């Protein structure tokens, strides 16, 4: 089970990296063509994408910490009964 999760994470990281690299390539191309408005929109889209990814990771980490605290706290609570 753990190996499947690690493989899924690796695939997701590759996919995220590919999307980010695509934004970079598009920005470079638009910059060379001196298309300022599309370049600005691409920059905003790339930034929004990165923020969404980081927020998702942060939320998952917070959820995981909360779940781990519940698992750790539960046996201690049961031993008091």
PDB file of N, CA and C in Angstrom:
ATOM      1  N   UNK A   1       0.832  -1.202   0.000  1.00  0.00           N
ATOM      2  CA  UNK A   1       0.000   0.000   0.000  1.00  0.00           C
ATOM      3  C   UNK A   1       0.873   1.262   0.000  1.00  0.00           C
ATOM      4  N   UNK A   2       1.916   1.239   0.834  1.00  0.00           N
ATOM      5  CA  UNK A   2       2.785   2.406   0.917  1.00  0.00           C
ATOM      6  C   UNK A   2       3.498   2.658  -0.406  1.00  0.00           C
ATOM      7  N   UNK A   3       3.914   1.581  -1.065  1.00  0.00           N
ATOM      8  CA  UNK A   3       4.607   1.727  -2.346  1.00  0.00           C
ATOM      9  C   UNK A   3       3.689   2.344  -3.395  1.00  0.00           C
ATOM     10  N   UNK A   4       2.391   1.959  -3.394  1.00  0.00           N
ATOM     11  CA  UNK A   4       1.427   2.540  -4.338  1.00  0.00           C
ATOM     12  C   UNK A   4       1.266   4.026  -4.085  1.00  0.00           C
ATOM     13  N   UNK A   5       1.227   4.421  -2.823  1.00  0.00           N
ATOM     14  CA  UNK A   5       1.097   5.840  -2.479  1.00  0.00           C
ATOM     15  C   UNK A   5       2.324   6.611  -2.953  1.00  0.00           C
ATOM     16  N   UNK A   6       3.497   6.036  -2.745  1.00  0.00           N
ATOM     17  CA  UNK A   6       4.726   6.696  -3.195  1.00  0.00           C
ATOM     18  C   UNK A   6       4.753   6.823  -4.711  1.00  0.00           C
ATOM     19  N   UNK A   7       4.286   5.801  -5.421  1.00  0.00           N
ATOM     20  CA  UNK A   7       4.236   5.861  -6.886  1.00  0.00           C
ATOM     21  C   UNK A   7       3.244   6.922  -7.346  1.00  0.00           C
ATOM     22  N   UNK A   8       2.119   7.027  -6.663  1.00  0.00           N
ATOM     23  CA  UNK A   8       1.126   8.046  -7.013  1.00  0.00           C
ATOM     24  C   UNK A   8       1.694   9.448  -6.780  1.00  0.00           C
ATOM     25  N   UNK A   9       2.384   9.621  -5.672  1.00  0.00           N
ATOM     26  CA  UNK A   9       3.008  10.915  -5.382  1.00  0.00           C
ATOM     27  C   UNK A   9       4.040  11.252  -6.451  1.00  0.00           C
ATOM     28  N   UNK A  10       4.845  10.267  -6.823  1.00  0.00           N
ATOM     29  CA  UNK A  10       5.861  10.499  -7.853  1.00  0.00           C
ATOM     30  C   UNK A  10       5.223  10.895  -9.183  1.00  0.00           C
ATOM     31  N   UNK A  11       4.142  10.201  -9.573  1.00  0.00           N
ATOM     32  CA  UNK A  11       3.442  10.555 -10.826  1.00  0.00           C
ATOM     33  C   UNK A  11       2.884  11.972 -10.748  1.00  0.00           C
ATOM     34  N   UNK A  12       2.303  12.322  -9.600  1.00  0.00           N
ATOM     35  CA  UNK A  12       1.746  13.662  -9.431  1.00  0.00           C
ATOM     36  C   UNK A  12       2.832  14.723  -9.524  1.00  0.00           C
ATOM     37  N   UNK A  13       3.979  14.453  -8.905  1.00  0.00           N
ATOM     38  CA  UNK A  13       5.083  15.417  -8.963  1.00  0.00           C
ATOM     39  C   UNK A  13       5.590  15.603 -10.384  1.00  0.00           C
ATOM     40  N   UNK A  14       5.668  14.516 -11.126  1.00  0.00           N
ATOM     41  CA  UNK A  14       6.094  14.606 -12.530  1.00  0.00           C
ATOM     42  C   UNK A  14       5.084  15.434 -13.321  1.00  0.00           C
ATOM     43  N   UNK A  15       3.800  15.174 -13.104  1.00  0.00           N
ATOM     44  CA  UNK A  15       2.745  15.897 -13.801  1.00  0.00           C
ATOM     45  C   UNK A  15       2.774  17.384 -13.449  1.00  0.00           C
ATOM     46  N   UNK A  16       2.912  17.690 -12.174  1.00  0.00           N
ATOM     47  CA  UNK A  16       2.986  19.091 -11.734  1.00  0.00           C
ATOM     48  C   UNK A  16       4.208  19.767 -12.347  1.00  0.00           C
ATOM     49  N   UNK A  17       5.343  19.075 -12.346  1.00  0.00           N
ATOM     50  CA  UNK A  17       6.552  19.626 -12.943  1.00  0.00           C
ATOM     51  C   UNK A  17       6.391  19.899 -14.427  1.00  0.00           C
ATOM     52  N   UNK A  18       5.701  19.000 -15.108  1.00  0.00           N
ATOM     53  CA  UNK A  18       5.460  19.179 -16.547  1.00  0.00           C
ATOM     54  C   UNK A  18       4.593  20.411 -16.801  1.00  0.00           C
ATOM     55  N   UNK A  19       3.557  20.576 -16.010  1.00  0.00           N
ATOM     56  CA  UNK A  19       2.688  21.756 -16.157  1.00  0.00           C
ATOM     57  C   UNK A  19       3.498  23.020 -15.910  1.00  0.00           C
ATOM     58  N   UNK A  20       4.295  23.020 -14.847  1.00  0.00           N
ATOM     59  CA  UNK A  20       5.100  24.198 -14.535  1.00  0.00           C
ATOM     60  C   UNK A  20       6.095  24.500 -15.657  1.00  0.00           C
ATOM     61  N   UNK A  21       6.746  23.463 -16.164  1.00  0.00           N
ATOM     62  CA  UNK A  21       7.687  23.655 -17.278  1.00  0.00           C
ATOM     63  C   UNK A  21       6.983  24.225 -18.509  1.00  0.00           C
ATOM     64  N   UNK A  22       5.744  23.826 -18.729  1.00  0.00           N
ATOM     65  CA  UNK A  22       4.967  24.351 -19.853  1.00  0.00           C
ATOM     66  C   UNK A  22       4.708  25.838 -19.676  1.00  0.00           C
ATOM     67  N   UNK A  23       4.360  26.244 -18.446  1.00  0.00           N
ATOM     68  CA  UNK A  23       4.196  27.676 -18.172  1.00  0.00           C
ATOM     69  C   UNK A  23       5.494  28.425 -18.455  1.00  0.00           C
ATOM     70  N   UNK A  24       6.609  27.865 -18.013  1.00  0.00           N
ATOM     71  CA  UNK A  24       7.915  28.500 -18.234  1.00  0.00           C
ATOM     72  C   UNK A  24       8.201  28.666 -19.724  1.00  0.00           C
ATOM     73  N   UNK A  25       7.960  27.619 -20.492  1.00  0.00           N
ATOM     74  CA  UNK A  25       8.212  27.664 -21.936  1.00  0.00           C
ATOM     75  C   UNK A  25       7.300  28.687 -22.613  1.00  0.00           C
ATOM     76  N   UNK A  26       6.050  28.709 -22.192  1.00  0.00           N
ATOM     77  CA  UNK A  26       5.105  29.674 -22.767  1.00  0.00           C
ATOM     78  C   UNK A  26       5.527  31.099 -22.436  1.00  0.00           C
ATOM     79  N   UNK A  27       5.949  31.326 -21.198  1.00  0.00           N
ATOM     80  CA  UNK A  27       6.427  32.658 -20.825  1.00  0.00           C
ATOM     81  C   UNK A  27       7.637  33.069 -21.661  1.00  0.00           C
ATOM     82  N   UNK A  28       8.552  32.153 -21.850  1.00  0.00           N
ATOM     83  CA  UNK A  28       9.751  32.454 -22.641  1.00  0.00           C
ATOM     84  C   UNK A  28       9.376  32.807 -24.078  1.00  0.00           C
ATOM     85  N   UNK A  29       8.483  32.027 -24.657  1.00  0.00           N
ATOM     86  CA  UNK A  29       8.063  32.264 -26.043  1.00  0.00           C
ATOM     87  C   UNK A  29       7.346  33.604 -26.176  1.00  0.00           C
ATOM     88  N   UNK A  30       6.412  33.865 -25.269  1.00  0.00           N
ATOM     89  CA  UNK A  30       5.672  35.128 -25.328  1.00  0.00           C
ATOM     90  C   UNK A  30       6.594  36.321 -25.091  1.00  0.00           C
ATOM     91  N   UNK A  31       7.586  36.140 -24.211  1.00  0.00           N
ATOM     92  CA  UNK A  31       8.552  37.210 -23.961  1.00  0.00           C
ATOM     93  C   UNK A  31       9.364  37.527 -25.205  1.00  0.00           C
ATOM     94  N   UNK A  32       9.797  36.484 -25.920  1.00  0.00           N
ATOM     95  CA  UNK A  32      10.568  36.686 -27.154  1.00  0.00           C
ATOM     96  C   UNK A  32       9.722  37.352 -28.227  1.00  0.00           C
ATOM     97  N   UNK A  33       8.420  37.063 -28.214  1.00  0.00           N
ATOM     98  CA  UNK A  33       7.523  37.665 -29.193  1.00  0.00           C
ATOM     99  C   UNK A  33       7.062  39.055 -28.754  1.00  0.00           C
ATOM    100  N   UNK A  34       7.459  39.457 -27.557  1.00  0.00           N
ATOM    101  CA  UNK A  34       7.104  40.749 -26.973  1.00  0.00           C
ATOM    102  C   UNK A  34       5.590  40.955 -26.917  1.00  0.00           C
ATOM    103  N   UNK A  35       4.894  39.892 -26.517  1.00  0.00           N
ATOM    104  CA  UNK A  35       3.444  39.952 -26.329  1.00  0.00           C
ATOM    105  C   UNK A  35       3.177  40.125 -24.838  1.00  0.00           C
ATOM    106  N   UNK A  36       3.105  41.378 -24.415  1.00  0.00           N
ATOM    107  CA  UNK A  36       3.065  41.681 -22.988  1.00  0.00           C
ATOM    108  C   UNK A  36       1.796  41.203 -22.289  1.00  0.00           C
ATOM    109  N   UNK A  37       0.638  41.428 -22.877  1.00  0.00           N
ATOM    110  CA  UNK A  37      -0.602  41.039 -22.194  1.00  0.00           C
ATOM    111  C   UNK A  37      -0.694  39.511 -22.014  1.00  0.00           C
ATOM    112  N   UNK A  38      -0.483  38.711 -23.075  1.00  0.00           N
ATOM    113  CA  UNK A  38      -0.509  37.263 -22.859  1.00  0.00           C
ATOM    114  C   UNK A  38       0.593  36.793 -21.904  1.00  0.00           C
ATOM    115  N   UNK A  39       1.738  37.458 -21.944  1.00  0.00           N
ATOM    116  CA  UNK A  39       2.826  37.113 -21.034  1.00  0.00           C
ATOM    117  C   UNK A  39       2.406  37.356 -19.590  1.00  0.00           C
ATOM    118  N   UNK A  40       1.769  38.482 -19.347  1.00  0.00           N
ATOM    119  CA  UNK A  40       1.293  38.804 -17.997  1.00  0.00           C
ATOM    120  C   UNK A  40       0.244  37.788 -17.549  1.00  0.00           C
ATOM    121  N   UNK A  41      -0.682  37.439 -18.432  1.00  0.00           N
ATOM    122  CA  UNK A  41      -1.728  36.463 -18.086  1.00  0.00           C
ATOM    123  C   UNK A  41      -1.123  35.086 -17.796  1.00  0.00           C
ATOM    124  N   UNK A  42      -0.113  34.728 -18.549  1.00  0.00           N
ATOM    125  CA  UNK A  42       0.569  33.455 -18.306  1.00  0.00           C
ATOM    126  C   UNK A  42       1.264  33.469 -16.957  1.00  0.00           C
ATOM    127  N   UNK A  43       1.903  34.587 -16.629  1.00  0.00           N
ATOM    128  CA  UNK A  43       2.558  34.722 -15.336  1.00  0.00           C
ATOM    129  C   UNK A  43       1.546  34.574 -14.205  1.00  0.00           C
ATOM    130  N   UNK A  44       0.396  35.220 -14.345  1.00  0.00           N
ATOM    131  CA  UNK A  44      -0.652  35.137 -13.321  1.00  0.00           C
ATOM    132  C   UNK A  44      -1.177  33.701 -13.220  1.00  0.00           C
ATOM    133  N   UNK A  45      -1.370  33.043 -14.351  1.00  0.00           N
ATOM    134  CA  UNK A  45      -1.854  31.656 -14.341  1.00  0.00           C
ATOM    135  C   UNK A  45      -0.840  30.737 -13.668  1.00  0.00           C
ATOM    136  N   UNK A  46       0.445  30.928 -13.962  1.00  0.00           N
ATOM    137  CA  UNK A  46       1.493  30.105 -13.346  1.00  0.00           C
ATOM    138  C   UNK A  46       1.530  30.323 -11.839  1.00  0.00           C
ATOM    139  N   UNK A  47       1.407  31.557 -11.432  1.00  0.00           N
ATOM    140  CA  UNK A  47       1.408  31.883 -10.003  1.00  0.00           C
ATOM    141  C   UNK A  47       0.188  31.288  -9.306  1.00  0.00           C
ATOM    142  N   UNK A  48      -0.964  31.386  -9.937  1.00  0.00           N
ATOM    143  CA  UNK A  48      -2.185  30.816  -9.380  1.00  0.00           C
ATOM    144  C   UNK A  48      -2.069  29.298  -9.259  1.00  0.00           C
ATOM    145  N   UNK A  49      -1.509  28.655 -10.269  1.00  0.00           N
ATOM    146  CA  UNK A  49      -1.296  27.217 -10.248  1.00  0.00           C
ATOM    147  C   UNK A  49      -0.385  26.833  -9.082  1.00  0.00           C
ATOM    148  N   UNK A  50       0.724  27.536  -8.929  1.00  0.00           N
ATOM    149  CA  UNK A  50       1.659  27.243  -7.841  1.00  0.00           C
ATOM    150  C   UNK A  50       0.988  27.442  -6.483  1.00  0.00           C
ATOM    151  N   UNK A  51       0.236  28.517  -6.326  1.00  0.00           N
ATOM    152  CA  UNK A  51      -0.467  28.758  -5.060  1.00  0.00           C
ATOM    153  C   UNK A  51      -1.473  27.651  -4.756  1.00  0.00           C
ATOM    154  N   UNK A  52      -2.187  27.200  -5.774  1.00  0.00           N
ATOM    155  CA  UNK A  52      -3.168  26.125  -5.575  1.00  0.00           C
ATOM    156  C   UNK A  52      -2.470  24.843  -5.128  1.00  0.00           C
ATOM    157  N   UNK A  53      -1.342  24.528  -5.740  1.00  0.00           N
ATOM    158  CA  UNK A  53      -0.587  23.329  -5.366  1.00  0.00           C
ATOM    159  C   UNK A  53      -0.091  23.442  -3.924  1.00  0.00           C
ATOM    160  N   UNK A  54       0.526  24.569  -3.584  1.00  0.00           N
ATOM    161  CA  UNK A  54       1.065  24.736  -2.237  1.00  0.00           C
ATOM    162  C   UNK A  54      -0.049  24.729  -1.186  1.00  0.00           C
ATOM    163  N   UNK A  55      -1.185  25.345  -1.500  1.00  0.00           N
ATOM    164  CA  UNK A  55      -2.311  25.333  -0.558  1.00  0.00           C
ATOM    165  C   UNK A  55      -2.845  23.919  -0.361  1.00  0.00           C
ATOM    166  N   UNK A  56      -2.916  23.159  -1.432  1.00  0.00           N
ATOM    167  CA  UNK A  56      -3.392  21.777  -1.346  1.00  0.00           C
ATOM    168  C   UNK A  56      -2.449  20.942  -0.473  1.00  0.00           C
ATOM    169  N   UNK A  57      -1.155  21.115  -0.680  1.00  0.00           N
ATOM    170  CA  UNK A  57      -0.172  20.380   0.120  1.00  0.00           C
ATOM    171  C   UNK A  57      -0.275  20.786   1.584  1.00  0.00           C
ATOM    172  N   UNK A  58      -0.403  22.079   1.826  1.00  0.00           N
ATOM    173  CA  UNK A  58      -0.510  22.579   3.205  1.00  0.00           C
ATOM    174  C   UNK A  58      -1.750  22.001   3.890  1.00  0.00           C
ATOM    175  N   UNK A  59      -2.888  22.016   3.211  1.00  0.00           N
ATOM    176  CA  UNK A  59      -4.120  21.473   3.778  1.00  0.00           C
ATOM    177  C   UNK A  59      -3.977  19.983   4.067  1.00  0.00           C
ATOM    178  N   UNK A  60      -3.379  19.242   3.148  1.00  0.00           N
ATOM    179  CA  UNK A  60      -3.186  17.804   3.364  1.00  0.00           C
ATOM    180  C   UNK A  60      -2.253  17.542   4.536  1.00  0.00           C
ATOM    181  N   UNK A  61      -1.185  18.329   4.654  1.00  0.00           N
ATOM    182  CA  UNK A  61      -0.266  18.161   5.778  1.00  0.00           C
ATOM    183  C   UNK A  61      -0.956  18.462   7.102  1.00  0.00           C
ATOM    184  N   UNK A  62      -1.738  19.532   7.146  1.00  0.00           N
ATOM    185  CA  UNK A  62      -2.464  19.870   8.369  1.00  0.00           C
ATOM    186  C   UNK A  62      -3.459  18.774   8.725  1.00  0.00           C
ATOM    187  N   UNK A  63      -4.143  18.240   7.730  1.00  0.00           N
ATOM    188  CA  UNK A  63      -5.096  17.158   7.955  1.00  0.00           C
ATOM    189  C   UNK A  63      -4.373  15.915   8.467  1.00  0.00           C
ATOM    190  N   UNK A  64      -3.211  15.626   7.887  1.00  0.00           N
ATOM    191  CA  UNK A  64      -2.434  14.452   8.306  1.00  0.00           C
ATOM    192  C   UNK A  64      -1.951  14.615   9.741  1.00  0.00           C
ATOM    193  N   UNK A  65      -1.478  15.801  10.105  1.00  0.00           N
ATOM    194  CA  UNK A  65      -1.033  16.060  11.475  1.00  0.00           C
ATOM    195  C   UNK A  65      -2.195  15.887  12.431  1.00  0.00           C
ATOM    196  N   UNK A  66      -3.366  16.423  12.078  1.00  0.00           N
ATOM    197  CA  UNK A  66      -4.547  16.310  12.920  1.00  0.00           C
ATOM    198  C   UNK A  66      -4.931  14.841  13.096  1.00  0.00           C
ATOM    199  N   UNK A  67      -4.901  14.089  12.001  1.00  0.00           N
ATOM    200  CA  UNK A  67      -5.255  12.672  12.067  1.00  0.00           C
ATOM    201  C   UNK A  67      -4.249  11.911  12.927  1.00  0.00           C
ATOM    202  N   UNK A  68      -2.971  12.211  12.779  1.00  0.00           N
ATOM    203  CA  UNK A  68      -1.947  11.547  13.583  1.00  0.00           C
ATOM    204  C   UNK A  68      -2.100  11.874  15.058  1.00  0.00           C
ATOM    205  N   UNK A  69      -2.452  13.129  15.376  1.00  0.00           N
ATOM    206  CA  UNK A  69      -2.669  13.503  16.771  1.00  0.00           C
ATOM    207  C   UNK A  69      -3.851  12.750  17.347  1.00  0.00           C
ATOM    208  N   UNK A  70      -4.915  12.570  16.563  1.00  0.00           N
ATOM    209  CA  UNK A  70      -6.071  11.808  17.028  1.00  0.00           C
ATOM    210  C   UNK A  70      -5.689  10.358  17.290  1.00  0.00           C
ATOM    211  N   UNK A  71      -4.910   9.789  16.411  1.00  0.00           N
ATOM    212  CA  UNK A  71      -4.497   8.388  16.566  1.00  0.00           C
ATOM    213  C   UNK A  71      -3.623   8.245  17.804  1.00  0.00           C
ATOM    214  N   UNK A  72      -2.731   9.191  18.032  1.00  0.00           N
ATOM    215  CA  UNK A  72      -1.850   9.140  19.192  1.00  0.00           C
ATOM    216  C   UNK A  72      -2.632   9.390  20.467  1.00  0.00           C
ATOM    217  N   UNK A  73      -3.547  10.362  20.433  1.00  0.00           N
ATOM    218  CA  UNK A  73      -4.292  10.727  21.631  1.00  0.00           C
ATOM    219  C   UNK A  73      -5.338   9.680  22.001  1.00  0.00           C
ATOM    220  N   UNK A  74      -5.871   8.985  21.039  1.00  0.00           N
ATOM    221  CA  UNK A  74      -6.957   8.036  21.303  1.00  0.00           C
ATOM    222  C   UNK A  74      -6.550   6.924  22.266  1.00  0.00           C
ATOM    223  N   UNK A  75      -5.420   6.226  22.074  1.00  0.00           N
ATOM    224  CA  UNK A  75      -5.066   5.165  23.024  1.00  0.00           C
ATOM    225  C   UNK A  75      -4.853   5.715  24.438  1.00  0.00           C
ATOM    226  N   UNK A  76      -4.274   6.891  24.578  1.00  0.00           N
ATOM    227  CA  UNK A  76      -4.077   7.471  25.901  1.00  0.00           C
ATOM    228  C   UNK A  76      -5.422   7.729  26.561  1.00  0.00           C
ATOM    229  N   UNK A  77      -6.370   8.213  25.800  1.00  0.00           N
ATOM    230  CA  UNK A  77      -7.710   8.483  26.310  1.00  0.00           C
ATOM    231  C   UNK A  77      -8.385   7.178  26.724  1.00  0.00           C
ATOM    232  N   UNK A  78      -8.222   6.136  25.949  1.00  0.00           N
ATOM    233  CA  UNK A  78      -8.841   4.860  26.264  1.00  0.00           C
ATOM    234  C   UNK A  78      -8.234   4.261  27.532  1.00  0.00           C
ATOM    235  N   UNK A  79      -6.959   4.482  27.762  1.00  0.00           N
ATOM    236  CA  UNK A  79      -6.327   3.895  28.941  1.00  0.00           C
ATOM    237  C   UNK A  79      -6.820   4.547  30.223  1.00  0.00           C
ATOM    238  N   UNK A  80      -7.374   5.764  30.125  1.00  0.00           N
ATOM    239  CA  UNK A  80      -7.905   6.444  31.301  1.00  0.00           C
ATOM    240  C   UNK A  80      -9.257   5.888  31.716  1.00  0.00           C
ATOM    241  N   UNK A  81      -9.923   5.175  30.843  1.00  0.00           N
ATOM    242  CA  UNK A  81     -11.263   4.668  31.155  1.00  0.00           C
ATOM    243  C   UNK A  81     -11.227   3.436  31.994  1.00  0.00           C
TER     244      UNK A  81
END
